[in-house]
Protein backbone atom coordinates (compact mmCIF):
# COMPACT_ATOMS: atom_id res chain seq x y z
CA MET A 1 5.03 -5.31 12.20
CA GLN A 2 8.21 -3.60 13.53
CA LEU A 3 9.18 -0.23 12.20
CA ARG A 4 12.89 -0.18 13.21
CA LYS A 5 14.25 -3.40 11.67
CA ASP A 6 14.98 -4.35 8.07
CA LEU A 7 11.93 -6.30 6.83
CA ARG A 8 11.70 -8.58 3.97
CA LEU A 9 10.85 -6.57 0.90
CA GLU A 10 7.22 -7.82 0.62
CA GLU A 11 6.64 -6.89 4.38
CA ALA A 12 7.70 -3.16 3.84
CA VAL A 13 4.59 -0.88 3.59
CA TYR A 14 6.21 1.26 0.93
CA PHE A 15 6.84 -1.82 -1.15
CA GLN A 16 3.23 -2.82 -0.58
CA ILE A 17 2.01 0.57 -1.42
CA ASP A 18 4.04 0.55 -4.76
CA ARG A 19 3.10 -2.81 -5.65
CA THR A 20 -0.57 -1.98 -5.16
CA ILE A 21 -0.42 1.14 -7.11
CA ARG A 22 1.20 -0.49 -10.09
CA ARG A 23 -1.39 -3.36 -10.04
CA VAL A 24 -4.24 -0.81 -9.84
CA ARG A 25 -2.74 1.13 -12.72
CA GLN A 26 -2.22 -2.03 -14.63
CA TYR A 27 -5.86 -3.28 -14.12
CA SER A 28 -7.13 0.33 -14.81
CA GLN A 29 -5.27 0.44 -18.18
CA GLN A 30 -6.54 -2.75 -19.10
CA GLN A 31 -10.39 -1.51 -18.52
CA PHE A 32 -9.49 1.48 -20.47
CA GLN A 33 -8.59 -0.44 -23.42
CA ARG A 34 -11.63 -2.66 -22.61
CA TYR A 35 -13.98 0.44 -22.81
CA ASN A 36 -12.18 1.62 -25.78
CA PHE A 37 -10.95 4.89 -23.81
CA ASP A 38 -8.27 6.33 -25.93
CA LEU A 39 -6.16 7.48 -23.06
CA THR A 40 -3.35 6.20 -20.87
CA ILE A 41 -3.77 6.49 -17.08
CA ASP A 42 -1.39 9.53 -16.96
CA GLN A 43 -3.55 11.27 -19.62
CA TRP A 44 -6.63 10.53 -17.72
CA ILE A 45 -5.24 12.03 -14.54
CA ILE A 46 -4.26 15.34 -16.43
CA PHE A 47 -7.71 15.23 -18.28
CA LYS A 48 -9.62 14.79 -15.23
CA GLN A 49 -7.68 17.54 -13.57
CA VAL A 50 -8.45 19.92 -16.25
CA GLY A 51 -12.06 18.82 -16.05
CA GLU A 52 -12.13 19.95 -12.30
CA GLY A 53 -11.12 23.48 -13.08
CA ASP A 54 -12.16 26.18 -15.42
CA GLY A 55 -8.95 27.23 -17.07
CA VAL A 56 -6.06 25.20 -15.28
CA SER A 57 -2.60 26.52 -15.43
CA LEU A 58 0.07 24.06 -16.37
CA VAL A 59 1.96 24.78 -13.29
CA SER A 60 -1.24 24.11 -11.31
CA ILE A 61 -1.71 20.82 -13.11
CA ALA A 62 2.02 19.79 -12.50
CA ASP A 63 1.44 20.67 -8.61
CA ASN A 64 -1.81 18.89 -8.31
CA THR A 65 -0.81 15.76 -10.06
CA PHE A 66 2.57 15.48 -8.57
CA LYS A 67 4.02 15.38 -12.30
CA ASP A 68 6.97 17.34 -13.65
CA PRO A 69 6.05 20.29 -15.74
CA ALA A 70 7.78 18.75 -18.97
CA SER A 71 5.58 15.55 -18.69
CA VAL A 72 2.45 17.80 -18.21
CA THR A 73 3.22 19.74 -21.30
CA ARG A 74 3.65 16.47 -23.30
CA ILE A 75 0.39 15.02 -21.93
CA VAL A 76 -1.60 18.22 -22.45
CA ASP A 77 -0.21 18.41 -26.09
CA ALA A 78 -1.32 14.73 -26.67
CA LEU A 79 -4.69 15.58 -25.22
CA GLN A 80 -4.96 18.76 -27.46
CA LYS A 81 -4.09 16.59 -30.66
CA LYS A 82 -7.10 14.30 -29.39
CA GLY A 83 -9.34 17.26 -29.48
CA LEU A 84 -10.07 16.84 -25.77
CA VAL A 85 -8.27 19.95 -24.43
CA GLU A 86 -7.27 23.43 -25.67
CA LYS A 87 -4.74 25.78 -24.35
CA ARG A 88 -5.49 29.57 -24.10
CA MET A 89 -3.24 32.33 -23.32
CA ASN A 90 -3.44 33.49 -19.75
CA PRO A 91 -5.26 36.89 -19.87
CA ASN A 92 -3.10 38.15 -16.95
CA ASP A 93 0.49 36.68 -18.17
CA ARG A 94 0.82 36.33 -21.88
CA ARG A 95 3.82 33.99 -21.20
CA LYS A 96 1.45 31.43 -19.75
CA PHE A 97 -1.33 29.12 -20.91
CA ASP A 98 -4.41 27.76 -19.28
CA VAL A 99 -5.89 24.44 -20.22
CA TYR A 100 -9.60 23.99 -20.71
CA LEU A 101 -11.74 21.03 -21.96
CA THR A 102 -13.20 21.40 -25.53
CA GLU A 103 -16.82 20.55 -26.01
CA GLU A 104 -15.61 17.14 -27.06
CA GLY A 105 -13.59 16.67 -24.10
CA SER A 106 -16.36 17.60 -21.82
CA THR A 107 -18.60 14.83 -23.50
CA VAL A 108 -15.86 12.29 -23.34
CA LEU A 109 -15.03 13.08 -19.66
CA THR A 110 -18.78 12.92 -18.71
CA SER A 111 -19.14 9.49 -20.32
CA MET A 112 -15.81 8.16 -18.76
CA ILE A 113 -16.90 8.95 -15.06
CA PRO A 114 -19.22 6.15 -14.38
CA ARG A 115 -16.68 3.47 -15.96
CA VAL A 116 -13.84 5.00 -13.90
CA VAL A 117 -15.95 4.99 -10.82
CA ASP A 118 -16.59 1.20 -11.64
CA ILE A 119 -12.90 0.71 -12.09
CA ARG A 120 -11.89 2.31 -8.73
CA ALA A 121 -14.63 0.27 -7.00
CA LYS A 122 -13.13 -3.07 -8.07
CA GLY A 123 -10.11 -2.54 -5.95
CA LEU A 124 -12.08 -1.15 -2.91
CA SER A 125 -14.67 -3.89 -3.02
CA GLY A 126 -15.26 -5.72 0.23
CA ILE A 127 -13.17 -3.11 2.22
CA PRO A 128 -15.73 -1.60 4.92
CA GLU A 129 -15.89 2.21 4.81
CA GLU A 130 -14.27 2.71 8.27
CA GLU A 131 -11.06 0.88 6.94
CA LEU A 132 -10.96 2.88 4.01
CA ASN A 133 -11.16 5.94 6.05
CA ALA A 134 -8.52 4.71 8.39
CA MET A 135 -6.31 3.89 5.39
CA SER A 136 -6.64 7.43 3.88
CA LYS A 137 -5.58 8.95 7.18
CA VAL A 138 -2.61 6.81 7.43
CA LEU A 139 -1.53 7.57 3.95
CA SER A 140 -2.02 11.32 4.53
CA LYS A 141 -0.04 10.99 7.50
CA ILE A 142 2.92 9.30 5.88
CA TYR A 143 2.66 11.73 3.05
CA GLU A 144 2.90 14.66 5.67
CA ASN A 145 5.78 13.10 7.39
CA VAL A 146 7.83 12.68 4.48
CA ASP A 147 6.69 16.09 2.93
CA ALA A 148 7.89 17.88 5.99
CA ALA A 149 11.08 16.09 5.92
CA LEU A 150 11.78 17.37 2.25
CA ILE A 151 14.55 19.81 1.92
């Protein structure tokens, strides 16, 4: 594959990445419905991020999930309405909130993880670990290249 010429769309790496992630999200959402998970994929991403910390700021969630702050706020509000997370005022800055799992949220997260692991495994089945490691390195390098070029 040549890098310095125009390619057919389906040959372009970025198109392949986008097409793949869209299909993975579609499959994942289908499986969420199958397992009666009352979450969208975007809600899952935020929910999982909250579960990985102990009082995560909205800014931190946005940074770590590459989502805009307004979307994070809407998703956190939806998760709060479902009883999965709660917002508490940051003890060091009363203008900010930190997000925590509720007891129910912790239970739901724990019950979802084995299914999510299975969902992830579907797309990776049959791919040797060394190829997955190489792909991870390549994707990280692409990210670094583009991130460094951002103004």
